[in-house]
Amino acid sequence: MKSFPHVFPSTASPNNVEPITNETRRFALFASSIHSQLRSYIFYGPITAASWQRVGYKVIAVFVGDFNKNNNTLQLNLTQTMLKRLGVRIVNLQCDIAYSIKLSQLVRMFGGFLSDSIVRDTDYILTSDSDIIPISENDYKLKNATDGFIYNAFCCGFFKRREKNHQMYPMSHICVTKKTWRNILLESVQRQELLNASLSPSNDILLSGKAPFSFETMSLYTRHEFRQLYDSNMTKGDAAWFMDQAFSSMLLNDYLEKHTNMKIDKRHKKSQRLDPHLSHLFWQPHKFKQFGDAHIMHDEIFDSNNWAGFKKLLHYMFNSSLVNEFDLYYKQFAITLREKPQYGA
């Protein structure tokens, strides 16, 4: 049998994976809280989406929050209008404001419960971030005879939970089929514990294969695993901030442990990342081809000088017509900001 580097050996896949062809559908899934103080997370949606389309992915953009208490309706309308023009599938996930940011992170591992009208069981769903844009197409191609891939799989070491050591995977990016994402949860220890303890008939639906892609479904699983941490106030870098990464990693590790015939291509990150802190000398067209992806600046982008520099990357990636559309979108979005941040160039 031919061996694959960093791939679990197998003779067959539990998902009956089909050969990769031009007809194989791949979706990039990212989410943003509509209540984040950093408005760039909303703003970048269309640019991030177009970047994934450029490398062959369809896109699902999820917006999370209380849509009855949205003080930035005009911004959201501008963003979603632009996304619709790009043909992006948009999902609005209703939840309390206090949970909107943590749900915008966790939502990505529940893609298996998205409607069949959006994505089919045999389609691949790749988890991503709204502020990470792909540049090199080769980094995100599926390989035949595999059930998906984990990009930069060896970045994050190991962690211990439930008396087991787990390899930690980055949320950017895990790419498996919709069916696999769903089965990772349906076959989990957490679900079995919930079924054994369930006293509520409403949980029967939330724990089924037909569970809705909803705040209730995500909360049931995550609160069971993390208890009071799930309901705590979350700040960047604390334990709650890493719930999505830890939860998806342990569920995936447990699933692969049971399904030793699955072939997940664990990839090293071979290309460089274009970071906003790099010198402006790197933000030049002749330099961009050396980078695999870009981690883009946050609200500093609303300084016109920073936007002018960022447009060099847009011109490298897209045709002039689309760049002009993004430029108009930027100007319209910037007008909606109550207090335009003052940043240095």
C-alpha atoms as a PDB file:
ATOM      1  CA  MET A   1       0.000   0.000   0.000  1.00  0.00           C
ATOM      2  CA  LYS A   2       1.248   3.457  -0.847  1.00  0.00           C
ATOM      3  CA  SER A   3       2.024   5.492   2.261  1.00  0.00           C
ATOM      4  CA  PHE A   4       1.229   9.161   2.769  1.00  0.00           C
ATOM      5  CA  PRO A   5       3.293  11.425   5.029  1.00  0.00           C
ATOM      6  CA  HIS A   6       1.500  12.537   8.194  1.00  0.00           C
ATOM      7  CA  VAL A   7      -1.596  10.576   7.179  1.00  0.00           C
ATOM      8  CA  PHE A   8      -3.385   7.959   9.231  1.00  0.00           C
ATOM      9  CA  PRO A   9      -2.906   4.611   7.393  1.00  0.00           C
ATOM     10  CA  SER A  10      -6.062   2.992   6.112  1.00  0.00           C
ATOM     11  CA  THR A  11      -7.621   0.711   3.570  1.00  0.00           C
ATOM     12  CA  ALA A  12     -11.015   2.426   3.532  1.00  0.00           C
ATOM     13  CA  SER A  13     -12.777   5.489   4.836  1.00  0.00           C
ATOM     14  CA  PRO A  14     -15.772   5.391   7.192  1.00  0.00           C
ATOM     15  CA  ASN A  15     -17.225   8.218   5.116  1.00  0.00           C
ATOM     16  CA  ASN A  16     -16.817   6.458   1.753  1.00  0.00           C
ATOM     17  CA  VAL A  17     -14.891   9.462   0.532  1.00  0.00           C
ATOM     18  CA  GLU A  18     -15.190  10.114  -3.180  1.00  0.00           C
ATOM     19  CA  PRO A  19     -12.193  10.869  -5.443  1.00  0.00           C
ATOM     20  CA  ILE A  20     -11.309  14.551  -5.620  1.00  0.00           C
ATOM     21  CA  THR A  21     -12.498  16.040  -8.915  1.00  0.00           C
ATOM     22  CA  ASN A  22     -13.300  19.460 -10.307  1.00  0.00           C
ATOM     23  CA  GLU A  23     -16.855  18.819  -9.104  1.00  0.00           C
ATOM     24  CA  THR A  24     -15.829  18.346  -5.468  1.00  0.00           C
ATOM     25  CA  ARG A  25     -17.329  21.216  -3.494  1.00  0.00           C
ATOM     26  CA  ARG A  26     -15.251  22.888  -0.794  1.00  0.00           C
ATOM     27  CA  PHE A  27     -16.578  25.537   1.569  1.00  0.00           C
ATOM     28  CA  ALA A  28     -14.633  27.912   3.790  1.00  0.00           C
ATOM     29  CA  LEU A  29     -16.566  28.701   6.974  1.00  0.00           C
ATOM     30  CA  PHE A  30     -15.832  31.749   9.104  1.00  0.00           C
ATOM     31  CA  ALA A  31     -17.866  33.786  11.571  1.00  0.00           C
ATOM     32  CA  SER A  32     -18.000  37.243  13.129  1.00  0.00           C
ATOM     33  CA  SER A  33     -19.779  38.710  16.131  1.00  0.00           C
ATOM     34  CA  ILE A  34     -21.967  41.645  15.149  1.00  0.00           C
ATOM     35  CA  HIS A  35     -21.250  43.185  18.571  1.00  0.00           C
ATOM     36  CA  SER A  36     -17.442  43.138  18.500  1.00  0.00           C
ATOM     37  CA  GLN A  37     -15.828  46.478  19.311  1.00  0.00           C
ATOM     38  CA  LEU A  38     -13.412  45.719  16.492  1.00  0.00           C
ATOM     39  CA  ARG A  39     -15.533  46.570  13.459  1.00  0.00           C
ATOM     40  CA  SER A  40     -12.886  45.211  11.109  1.00  0.00           C
ATOM     41  CA  TYR A  41     -14.122  41.657  11.788  1.00  0.00           C
ATOM     42  CA  ILE A  42     -17.389  42.578  10.073  1.00  0.00           C
ATOM     43  CA  PHE A  43     -15.744  44.770   7.454  1.00  0.00           C
ATOM     44  CA  TYR A  44     -13.315  42.122   6.208  1.00  0.00           C
ATOM     45  CA  GLY A  45     -16.064  39.583   5.475  1.00  0.00           C
ATOM     46  CA  PRO A  46     -16.319  40.244   1.712  1.00  0.00           C
ATOM     47  CA  ILE A  47     -12.539  40.484   1.252  1.00  0.00           C
ATOM     48  CA  THR A  48     -11.948  37.247   3.153  1.00  0.00           C
ATOM     49  CA  ALA A  49     -14.730  35.561   1.183  1.00  0.00           C
ATOM     50  CA  ALA A  50     -13.359  36.677  -2.189  1.00  0.00           C
ATOM     51  CA  SER A  51      -9.909  35.441  -1.144  1.00  0.00           C
ATOM     52  CA  TRP A  52     -11.286  31.947  -0.525  1.00  0.00           C
ATOM     53  CA  GLN A  53     -13.184  32.022  -3.801  1.00  0.00           C
ATOM     54  CA  ARG A  54      -9.920  32.896  -5.523  1.00  0.00           C
ATOM     55  CA  VAL A  55      -8.366  29.598  -4.339  1.00  0.00           C
ATOM     56  CA  GLY A  56     -11.366  27.475  -5.305  1.00  0.00           C
ATOM     57  CA  TYR A  57     -13.618  27.508  -2.238  1.00  0.00           C
ATOM     58  CA  LYS A  58     -17.227  28.484  -1.883  1.00  0.00           C
ATOM     59  CA  VAL A  59     -17.909  30.483   1.265  1.00  0.00           C
ATOM     60  CA  ILE A  60     -20.278  30.401   4.239  1.00  0.00           C
ATOM     61  CA  ALA A  61     -20.187  33.544   6.384  1.00  0.00           C
ATOM     62  CA  VAL A  62     -21.884  33.341   9.784  1.00  0.00           C
ATOM     63  CA  PHE A  63     -22.856  36.452  11.725  1.00  0.00           C
ATOM     64  CA  VAL A  64     -23.504  35.931  15.412  1.00  0.00           C
ATOM     65  CA  GLY A  65     -25.375  38.055  17.934  1.00  0.00           C
ATOM     66  CA  ASP A  66     -28.682  39.524  19.011  1.00  0.00           C
ATOM     67  CA  PHE A  67     -30.110  40.943  15.802  1.00  0.00           C
ATOM     68  CA  ASN A  68     -32.827  42.706  17.789  1.00  0.00           C
ATOM     69  CA  LYS A  69     -30.161  44.748  19.606  1.00  0.00           C
ATOM     70  CA  ASN A  70     -27.759  45.547  16.804  1.00  0.00           C
ATOM     71  CA  ASN A  71     -26.524  49.133  16.957  1.00  0.00           C
ATOM     72  CA  ASN A  72     -24.569  48.769  13.730  1.00  0.00           C
ATOM     73  CA  THR A  73     -27.294  47.748  11.296  1.00  0.00           C
ATOM     74  CA  LEU A  74     -25.978  49.932   8.481  1.00  0.00           C
ATOM     75  CA  GLN A  75     -22.514  48.367   8.684  1.00  0.00           C
ATOM     76  CA  LEU A  76     -23.949  44.854   8.688  1.00  0.00           C
ATOM     77  CA  ASN A  77     -26.191  45.679   5.724  1.00  0.00           C
ATOM     78  CA  LEU A  78     -23.234  47.025   3.746  1.00  0.00           C
ATOM     79  CA  THR A  79     -21.198  43.901   4.486  1.00  0.00           C
ATOM     80  CA  GLN A  80     -23.970  41.427   3.736  1.00  0.00           C
ATOM     81  CA  THR A  81     -24.942  43.243   0.535  1.00  0.00           C
ATOM     82  CA  MET A  82     -21.366  42.925  -0.690  1.00  0.00           C
ATOM     83  CA  LEU A  83     -21.253  39.263   0.333  1.00  0.00           C
ATOM     84  CA  LYS A  84     -24.443  38.557  -1.600  1.00  0.00           C
ATOM     85  CA  ARG A  85     -22.949  40.177  -4.693  1.00  0.00           C
ATOM     86  CA  LEU A  86     -20.081  37.706  -4.356  1.00  0.00           C
ATOM     87  CA  GLY A  87     -22.485  34.758  -4.091  1.00  0.00           C
ATOM     88  CA  VAL A  88     -21.617  33.955  -0.470  1.00  0.00           C
ATOM     89  CA  ARG A  89     -24.027  31.943   1.678  1.00  0.00           C
ATOM     90  CA  ILE A  90     -24.922  34.012   4.754  1.00  0.00           C
ATOM     91  CA  VAL A  91     -26.164  32.590   8.056  1.00  0.00           C
ATOM     92  CA  ASN A  92     -27.405  34.827  10.889  1.00  0.00           C
ATOM     93  CA  LEU A  93     -27.112  33.025  14.222  1.00  0.00           C
ATOM     94  CA  GLN A  94     -29.244  34.545  16.975  1.00  0.00           C
ATOM     95  CA  CYS A  95     -27.843  34.554  20.512  1.00  0.00           C
ATOM     96  CA  ASP A  96     -27.509  36.777  23.555  1.00  0.00           C
ATOM     97  CA  ILE A  97     -24.929  39.557  23.209  1.00  0.00           C
ATOM     98  CA  ALA A  98     -22.863  38.096  26.057  1.00  0.00           C
ATOM     99  CA  TYR A  99     -22.249  34.912  24.044  1.00  0.00           C
ATOM    100  CA  SER A 100     -21.740  36.433  20.611  1.00  0.00           C
ATOM    101  CA  ILE A 101     -17.940  36.485  20.515  1.00  0.00           C
ATOM    102  CA  LYS A 102     -17.400  33.007  21.971  1.00  0.00           C
ATOM    103  CA  LEU A 103     -20.115  31.609  19.674  1.00  0.00           C
ATOM    104  CA  SER A 104     -18.444  33.235  16.671  1.00  0.00           C
ATOM    105  CA  GLN A 105     -15.439  31.049  17.510  1.00  0.00           C
ATOM    106  CA  LEU A 106     -17.288  27.850  18.430  1.00  0.00           C
ATOM    107  CA  VAL A 107     -19.736  27.948  15.526  1.00  0.00           C
ATOM    108  CA  ARG A 108     -17.117  26.646  13.096  1.00  0.00           C
ATOM    109  CA  MET A 109     -16.981  23.167  14.633  1.00  0.00           C
ATOM    110  CA  PHE A 110     -20.761  22.750  14.260  1.00  0.00           C
ATOM    111  CA  GLY A 111     -20.787  22.986  10.461  1.00  0.00           C
ATOM    112  CA  GLY A 112     -22.118  19.436  10.291  1.00  0.00           C
ATOM    113  CA  PHE A 113     -25.527  20.775  11.340  1.00  0.00           C
ATOM    114  CA  LEU A 114     -25.799  23.386   8.599  1.00  0.00           C
ATOM    115  CA  SER A 115     -28.835  23.039   6.364  1.00  0.00           C
ATOM    116  CA  ASP A 116     -28.623  20.649   3.417  1.00  0.00           C
ATOM    117  CA  SER A 117     -29.775  23.558   1.269  1.00  0.00           C
ATOM    118  CA  ILE A 118     -26.424  25.234   1.985  1.00  0.00           C
ATOM    119  CA  VAL A 119     -23.962  22.360   2.072  1.00  0.00           C
ATOM    120  CA  ARG A 120     -24.249  18.623   1.357  1.00  0.00           C
ATOM    121  CA  ASP A 121     -22.879  15.784   3.470  1.00  0.00           C
ATOM    122  CA  THR A 122     -20.214  15.019   0.867  1.00  0.00           C
ATOM    123  CA  ASP A 123     -19.034  18.639   0.657  1.00  0.00           C
ATOM    124  CA  TYR A 124     -15.897  19.653   2.523  1.00  0.00           C
ATOM    125  CA  ILE A 125     -16.023  22.396   5.164  1.00  0.00           C
ATOM    126  CA  LEU A 126     -12.815  24.211   6.074  1.00  0.00           C
ATOM    127  CA  THR A 127     -12.679  26.221   9.297  1.00  0.00           C
ATOM    128  CA  SER A 128     -11.136  29.658   9.033  1.00  0.00           C
ATOM    129  CA  ASP A 129     -10.899  33.113  10.608  1.00  0.00           C
ATOM    130  CA  SER A 130     -12.361  36.329   9.279  1.00  0.00           C
ATOM    131  CA  ASP A 131      -8.948  38.025   9.549  1.00  0.00           C
ATOM    132  CA  ILE A 132      -6.936  35.309   7.764  1.00  0.00           C
ATOM    133  CA  ILE A 133      -6.894  35.416   3.975  1.00  0.00           C
ATOM    134  CA  PRO A 134      -5.328  32.717   1.780  1.00  0.00           C
ATOM    135  CA  ILE A 135      -2.834  33.708  -0.885  1.00  0.00           C
ATOM    136  CA  SER A 136      -1.294  30.464  -2.183  1.00  0.00           C
ATOM    137  CA  GLU A 137      -3.836  28.067  -3.701  1.00  0.00           C
ATOM    138  CA  ASN A 138      -1.583  25.014  -3.329  1.00  0.00           C
ATOM    139  CA  ASP A 139      -1.767  25.149   0.467  1.00  0.00           C
ATOM    140  CA  TYR A 140      -5.503  24.402   0.434  1.00  0.00           C
ATOM    141  CA  LYS A 141      -5.874  21.693  -2.187  1.00  0.00           C
ATOM    142  CA  LEU A 142      -7.420  18.364  -1.219  1.00  0.00           C
ATOM    143  CA  LYS A 143      -5.469  15.210  -1.967  1.00  0.00           C
ATOM    144  CA  ASN A 144      -6.954  12.034  -3.368  1.00  0.00           C
ATOM    145  CA  ALA A 145      -7.177   9.024  -1.045  1.00  0.00           C
ATOM    146  CA  THR A 146      -7.551  11.270   2.002  1.00  0.00           C
ATOM    147  CA  ASP A 147     -10.540  12.303   4.112  1.00  0.00           C
ATOM    148  CA  GLY A 148      -9.400  15.898   4.481  1.00  0.00           C
ATOM    149  CA  PHE A 149      -6.505  17.838   5.939  1.00  0.00           C
ATOM    150  CA  ILE A 150      -5.320  19.893   8.893  1.00  0.00           C
ATOM    151  CA  TYR A 151      -3.179  22.842   7.872  1.00  0.00           C
ATOM    152  CA  ASN A 152      -0.238  23.711  10.124  1.00  0.00           C
ATOM    153  CA  ALA A 153      -1.196  20.673  12.187  1.00  0.00           C
ATOM    154  CA  PHE A 154       1.984  20.627  14.272  1.00  0.00           C
ATOM    155  CA  CYS A 155       1.840  24.239  15.442  1.00  0.00           C
ATOM    156  CA  CYS A 156       0.414  23.965  18.888  1.00  0.00           C
ATOM    157  CA  GLY A 157       1.808  21.039  20.866  1.00  0.00           C
ATOM    158  CA  PHE A 158      -0.331  18.933  23.191  1.00  0.00           C
ATOM    159  CA  PHE A 159      -2.742  19.494  26.061  1.00  0.00           C
ATOM    160  CA  LYS A 160      -4.319  17.252  28.686  1.00  0.00           C
ATOM    161  CA  ARG A 161      -8.050  16.952  29.239  1.00  0.00           C
ATOM    162  CA  ARG A 162     -10.206  14.097  30.546  1.00  0.00           C
ATOM    163  CA  GLU A 163      -7.035  12.294  31.614  1.00  0.00           C
ATOM    164  CA  LYS A 164      -5.828  12.096  28.011  1.00  0.00           C
ATOM    165  CA  ASN A 165      -3.155  13.896  26.059  1.00  0.00           C
ATOM    166  CA  HIS A 166      -4.481  15.512  22.901  1.00  0.00           C
ATOM    167  CA  GLN A 167      -2.691  17.086  19.989  1.00  0.00           C
ATOM    168  CA  MET A 168      -3.848  20.695  19.653  1.00  0.00           C
ATOM    169  CA  TYR A 169      -4.869  21.743  16.148  1.00  0.00           C
ATOM    170  CA  PRO A 170      -5.355  25.290  14.859  1.00  0.00           C
ATOM    171  CA  MET A 171      -8.854  26.376  13.854  1.00  0.00           C
ATOM    172  CA  SER A 172      -7.219  27.771  10.726  1.00  0.00           C
ATOM    173  CA  HIS A 173      -7.539  25.297   9.179  1.00  0.00           C
ATOM    174  CA  ILE A 174      -9.317  21.949   9.571  1.00  0.00           C
ATOM    175  CA  CYS A 175     -10.972  20.615   6.417  1.00  0.00           C
ATOM    176  CA  VAL A 176     -13.221  17.530   6.470  1.00  0.00           C
ATOM    177  CA  THR A 177     -16.633  16.705   5.045  1.00  0.00           C
ATOM    178  CA  LYS A 178     -19.848  18.010   6.531  1.00  0.00           C
ATOM    179  CA  LYS A 179     -20.748  14.426   7.451  1.00  0.00           C
ATOM    180  CA  THR A 180     -17.484  14.046   9.357  1.00  0.00           C
ATOM    181  CA  TRP A 181     -18.020  17.293  11.271  1.00  0.00           C
ATOM    182  CA  ARG A 182     -21.433  16.014  12.346  1.00  0.00           C
ATOM    183  CA  ASN A 183     -20.217  12.515  13.233  1.00  0.00           C
ATOM    184  CA  ILE A 184     -17.393  13.925  15.343  1.00  0.00           C
ATOM    185  CA  LEU A 185     -20.097  15.232  17.676  1.00  0.00           C
ATOM    186  CA  LEU A 186     -22.640  12.425  17.305  1.00  0.00           C
ATOM    187  CA  GLU A 187     -20.053   9.779  18.231  1.00  0.00           C
ATOM    188  CA  SER A 188     -18.491  11.812  21.030  1.00  0.00           C
ATOM    189  CA  VAL A 189     -18.247  10.872  24.688  1.00  0.00           C
ATOM    190  CA  GLN A 190     -19.868  14.212  25.480  1.00  0.00           C
ATOM    191  CA  ARG A 191     -23.011  13.368  23.527  1.00  0.00           C
ATOM    192  CA  GLN A 192     -23.277   9.936  25.142  1.00  0.00           C
ATOM    193  CA  GLU A 193     -23.005  11.503  28.589  1.00  0.00           C
ATOM    194  CA  LEU A 194     -25.701  14.008  27.685  1.00  0.00           C
ATOM    195  CA  LEU A 195     -27.987  11.250  26.405  1.00  0.00           C
ATOM    196  CA  ASN A 196     -27.498   9.255  29.590  1.00  0.00           C
ATOM    197  CA  ALA A 197     -28.286  12.254  31.781  1.00  0.00           C
ATOM    198  CA  SER A 198     -30.952  13.928  29.663  1.00  0.00           C
ATOM    199  CA  LEU A 199     -34.221  14.713  31.432  1.00  0.00           C
ATOM    200  CA  SER A 200     -35.470  17.235  28.891  1.00  0.00           C
ATOM    201  CA  PRO A 201     -37.403  16.164  25.771  1.00  0.00           C
ATOM    202  CA  SER A 202     -36.054  19.232  23.964  1.00  0.00           C
ATOM    203  CA  ASN A 203     -32.561  17.778  24.243  1.00  0.00           C
ATOM    204  CA  ASP A 204     -33.622  14.811  22.116  1.00  0.00           C
ATOM    205  CA  ILE A 205     -33.675  17.030  19.035  1.00  0.00           C
ATOM    206  CA  LEU A 206     -30.528  18.946  19.990  1.00  0.00           C
ATOM    207  CA  LEU A 207     -28.632  15.673  20.399  1.00  0.00           C
ATOM    208  CA  SER A 208     -29.924  14.108  17.188  1.00  0.00           C
ATOM    209  CA  GLY A 209     -28.400  14.030  13.737  1.00  0.00           C
ATOM    210  CA  LYS A 210     -31.063  16.568  12.736  1.00  0.00           C
ATOM    211  CA  ALA A 211     -30.070  19.093  15.392  1.00  0.00           C
ATOM    212  CA  PRO A 212     -30.448  22.715  14.290  1.00  0.00           C
ATOM    213  CA  PHE A 213     -27.454  24.923  13.624  1.00  0.00           C
ATOM    214  CA  SER A 214     -28.339  27.037  16.641  1.00  0.00           C
ATOM    215  CA  PHE A 215     -27.214  28.654  19.868  1.00  0.00           C
ATOM    216  CA  GLU A 216     -29.090  25.952  21.786  1.00  0.00           C
ATOM    217  CA  THR A 217     -27.276  23.069  20.083  1.00  0.00           C
ATOM    218  CA  MET A 218     -23.852  24.639  20.482  1.00  0.00           C
ATOM    219  CA  SER A 219     -24.492  25.631  24.087  1.00  0.00           C
ATOM    220  CA  LEU A 220     -25.677  22.164  25.082  1.00  0.00           C
ATOM    221  CA  TYR A 221     -22.477  20.465  23.923  1.00  0.00           C
ATOM    222  CA  THR A 222     -20.043  23.168  24.993  1.00  0.00           C
ATOM    223  CA  ARG A 223     -21.566  23.888  28.405  1.00  0.00           C
ATOM    224  CA  HIS A 224     -21.497  20.166  29.183  1.00  0.00           C
ATOM    225  CA  GLU A 225     -17.778  19.968  28.452  1.00  0.00           C
ATOM    226  CA  PHE A 226     -16.598  23.251  29.950  1.00  0.00           C
ATOM    227  CA  ARG A 227     -19.248  23.854  32.645  1.00  0.00           C
ATOM    228  CA  GLN A 228     -19.036  27.338  34.181  1.00  0.00           C
ATOM    229  CA  LEU A 229     -16.191  28.354  31.870  1.00  0.00           C
ATOM    230  CA  TYR A 230     -18.666  28.462  28.991  1.00  0.00           C
ATOM    231  CA  ASP A 231     -20.887  30.955  30.821  1.00  0.00           C
ATOM    232  CA  SER A 232     -18.014  33.077  32.143  1.00  0.00           C
ATOM    233  CA  ASN A 233     -16.903  36.429  30.794  1.00  0.00           C
ATOM    234  CA  MET A 234     -14.306  35.873  28.105  1.00  0.00           C
ATOM    235  CA  THR A 235     -11.243  37.987  27.392  1.00  0.00           C
ATOM    236  CA  LYS A 236      -8.691  37.439  24.665  1.00  0.00           C
ATOM    237  CA  GLY A 237      -6.083  34.876  25.648  1.00  0.00           C
ATOM    238  CA  ASP A 238      -7.856  33.384  28.675  1.00  0.00           C
ATOM    239  CA  ALA A 239      -9.038  29.774  29.029  1.00  0.00           C
ATOM    240  CA  ALA A 240     -12.452  30.534  27.528  1.00  0.00           C
ATOM    241  CA  TRP A 241     -10.772  32.053  24.470  1.00  0.00           C
ATOM    242  CA  PHE A 242      -9.346  28.642  23.565  1.00  0.00           C
ATOM    243  CA  MET A 243     -12.506  26.578  24.097  1.00  0.00           C
ATOM    244  CA  ASP A 244     -13.114  26.178  20.375  1.00  0.00           C
ATOM    245  CA  GLN A 245      -9.570  25.051  19.651  1.00  0.00           C
ATOM    246  CA  ALA A 246      -9.417  22.649  22.598  1.00  0.00           C
ATOM    247  CA  PHE A 247     -12.899  21.217  22.011  1.00  0.00           C
ATOM    248  CA  SER A 248     -12.478  20.633  18.278  1.00  0.00           C
ATOM    249  CA  SER A 249      -9.031  19.103  18.823  1.00  0.00           C
ATOM    250  CA  MET A 250     -10.139  16.631  21.489  1.00  0.00           C
ATOM    251  CA  LEU A 251     -13.256  15.623  19.543  1.00  0.00           C
ATOM    252  CA  LEU A 252     -11.262  15.100  16.365  1.00  0.00           C
ATOM    253  CA  ASN A 253      -8.545  13.149  18.180  1.00  0.00           C
ATOM    254  CA  ASP A 254     -11.145  10.911  19.834  1.00  0.00           C
ATOM    255  CA  TYR A 255     -12.878  10.327  16.502  1.00  0.00           C
ATOM    256  CA  LEU A 256      -9.652   9.429  14.708  1.00  0.00           C
ATOM    257  CA  GLU A 257      -8.720   7.103  17.547  1.00  0.00           C
ATOM    258  CA  LYS A 258     -11.924   5.147  16.904  1.00  0.00           C
ATOM    259  CA  HIS A 259     -11.707   5.350  13.112  1.00  0.00           C
ATOM    260  CA  THR A 260      -8.118   4.319  12.482  1.00  0.00           C
ATOM    261  CA  ASN A 261      -8.930   3.842   8.806  1.00  0.00           C
ATOM    262  CA  MET A 262      -9.484   7.559   8.281  1.00  0.00           C
ATOM    263  CA  LYS A 263      -6.797   9.395   6.342  1.00  0.00           C
ATOM    264  CA  ILE A 264      -6.320  12.945   7.530  1.00  0.00           C
ATOM    265  CA  ASP A 265      -3.452  14.759   5.850  1.00  0.00           C
ATOM    266  CA  LYS A 266      -1.614  16.519   8.679  1.00  0.00           C
ATOM    267  CA  ARG A 267       0.328  19.260   6.966  1.00  0.00           C
ATOM    268  CA  HIS A 268       3.256  21.332   8.082  1.00  0.00           C
ATOM    269  CA  LYS A 269       3.011  25.043   7.352  1.00  0.00           C
ATOM    270  CA  LYS A 270       5.642  25.484   4.664  1.00  0.00           C
ATOM    271  CA  SER A 271       4.893  29.001   3.477  1.00  0.00           C
ATOM    272  CA  GLN A 272       5.355  32.288   5.306  1.00  0.00           C
ATOM    273  CA  ARG A 273       2.565  34.445   6.722  1.00  0.00           C
ATOM    274  CA  LEU A 274       2.213  38.086   5.720  1.00  0.00           C
ATOM    275  CA  ASP A 275       1.649  39.845   9.039  1.00  0.00           C
ATOM    276  CA  PRO A 276       0.644  43.489   9.525  1.00  0.00           C
ATOM    277  CA  HIS A 277       3.663  44.167  11.748  1.00  0.00           C
ATOM    278  CA  LEU A 278       6.077  43.358   8.916  1.00  0.00           C
ATOM    279  CA  SER A 279       7.904  46.251   7.305  1.00  0.00           C
ATOM    280  CA  HIS A 280       6.161  48.015   4.438  1.00  0.00           C
ATOM    281  CA  LEU A 281       8.971  46.615   2.279  1.00  0.00           C
ATOM    282  CA  PHE A 282       7.201  43.241   2.436  1.00  0.00           C
ATOM    283  CA  TRP A 283       3.879  44.779   1.403  1.00  0.00           C
ATOM    284  CA  GLN A 284       4.974  45.072  -2.214  1.00  0.00           C
ATOM    285  CA  PRO A 285       3.611  43.155  -5.244  1.00  0.00           C
ATOM    286  CA  HIS A 286       6.900  41.408  -6.031  1.00  0.00           C
ATOM    287  CA  LYS A 287       7.045  40.069  -2.456  1.00  0.00           C
ATOM    288  CA  PHE A 288       3.516  38.692  -2.131  1.00  0.00           C
ATOM    289  CA  LYS A 289       4.152  35.427  -3.975  1.00  0.00           C
ATOM    290  CA  GLN A 290       6.446  34.239  -1.181  1.00  0.00           C
ATOM    291  CA  PHE A 291       3.559  34.206   1.318  1.00  0.00           C
ATOM    292  CA  GLY A 292       0.947  31.496   1.793  1.00  0.00           C
ATOM    293  CA  ASP A 293      -1.562  33.623   3.673  1.00  0.00           C
ATOM    294  CA  ALA A 294      -2.005  36.978   5.362  1.00  0.00           C
ATOM    295  CA  HIS A 295      -3.063  37.900   8.886  1.00  0.00           C
ATOM    296  CA  ILE A 296      -4.622  41.284   8.314  1.00  0.00           C
ATOM    297  CA  MET A 297      -4.645  44.279  10.644  1.00  0.00           C
ATOM    298  CA  HIS A 298      -7.731  45.096  12.659  1.00  0.00           C
ATOM    299  CA  ASP A 299      -9.315  48.544  13.047  1.00  0.00           C
ATOM    300  CA  GLU A 300      -6.075  50.216  12.004  1.00  0.00           C
ATOM    301  CA  ILE A 301      -7.336  49.504   8.487  1.00  0.00           C
ATOM    302  CA  PHE A 302      -9.719  52.456   8.831  1.00  0.00           C
ATOM    303  CA  ASP A 303      -6.773  54.818   8.599  1.00  0.00           C
ATOM    304  CA  SER A 304      -6.688  55.809   4.921  1.00  0.00           C
ATOM    305  CA  ASN A 305      -2.905  55.402   4.715  1.00  0.00           C
ATOM    306  CA  ASN A 306      -3.135  51.821   5.959  1.00  0.00           C
ATOM    307  CA  TRP A 307      -5.927  51.098   3.502  1.00  0.00           C
ATOM    308  CA  ALA A 308      -3.806  52.453   0.649  1.00  0.00           C
ATOM    309  CA  GLY A 309      -1.018  50.048   1.593  1.00  0.00           C
ATOM    310  CA  PHE A 310      -3.416  47.129   1.966  1.00  0.00           C
ATOM    311  CA  LYS A 311      -4.824  47.754  -1.505  1.00  0.00           C
ATOM    312  CA  LYS A 312      -1.493  46.634  -2.953  1.00  0.00           C
ATOM    313  CA  LEU A 313      -2.358  43.122  -1.793  1.00  0.00           C
ATOM    314  CA  LEU A 314      -5.872  43.441  -3.215  1.00  0.00           C
ATOM    315  CA  HIS A 315      -4.468  44.459  -6.608  1.00  0.00           C
ATOM    316  CA  TYR A 316      -2.152  41.435  -6.490  1.00  0.00           C
ATOM    317  CA  MET A 317      -5.042  39.062  -5.781  1.00  0.00           C
ATOM    318  CA  PHE A 318      -7.990  40.494  -7.711  1.00  0.00           C
ATOM    319  CA  ASN A 319      -8.833  42.268 -10.937  1.00  0.00           C
ATOM    320  CA  SER A 320      -9.126  46.053 -10.936  1.00  0.00           C
ATOM    321  CA  SER A 321     -12.924  45.967 -11.157  1.00  0.00           C
ATOM    322  CA  LEU A 322     -13.270  44.036  -7.897  1.00  0.00           C
ATOM    323  CA  VAL A 323     -10.627  46.177  -6.188  1.00  0.00           C
ATOM    324  CA  ASN A 324     -12.621  49.264  -7.152  1.00  0.00           C
ATOM    325  CA  GLU A 325     -15.731  47.693  -5.626  1.00  0.00           C
ATOM    326  CA  PHE A 326     -13.825  46.993  -2.423  1.00  0.00           C
ATOM    327  CA  ASP A 327     -12.543  50.567  -2.405  1.00  0.00           C
ATOM    328  CA  LEU A 328     -16.080  51.947  -2.640  1.00  0.00           C
ATOM    329  CA  TYR A 329     -17.226  49.494   0.036  1.00  0.00           C
ATOM    330  CA  TYR A 330     -14.384  50.672   2.293  1.00  0.00           C
ATOM    331  CA  LYS A 331     -15.379  54.316   1.895  1.00  0.00           C
ATOM    332  CA  GLN A 332     -19.041  53.549   2.602  1.00  0.00           C
ATOM    333  CA  PHE A 333     -18.147  51.491   5.677  1.00  0.00           C
ATOM    334  CA  ALA A 334     -15.738  54.112   7.013  1.00  0.00           C
ATOM    335  CA  ILE A 335     -18.483  56.748   6.889  1.00  0.00           C
ATOM    336  CA  THR A 336     -20.593  54.661   9.284  1.00  0.00           C
ATOM    337  CA  LEU A 337     -17.947  54.677  12.004  1.00  0.00           C
ATOM    338  CA  ARG A 338     -19.000  57.030  14.766  1.00  0.00           C
ATOM    339  CA  GLU A 339     -15.457  57.884  15.738  1.00  0.00           C
ATOM    340  CA  LYS A 340     -12.906  57.092  13.117  1.00  0.00           C
ATOM    341  CA  PRO A 341      -9.812  55.739  14.941  1.00  0.00           C
ATOM    342  CA  GLN A 342      -6.629  57.737  14.550  1.00  0.00           C
ATOM    343  CA  TYR A 343      -3.691  55.490  13.743  1.00  0.00           C
ATOM    344  CA  GLY A 344      -0.279  56.237  12.434  1.00  0.00           C
ATOM    345  CA  ALA A 345       0.652  55.170   8.926  1.00  0.00           C
END
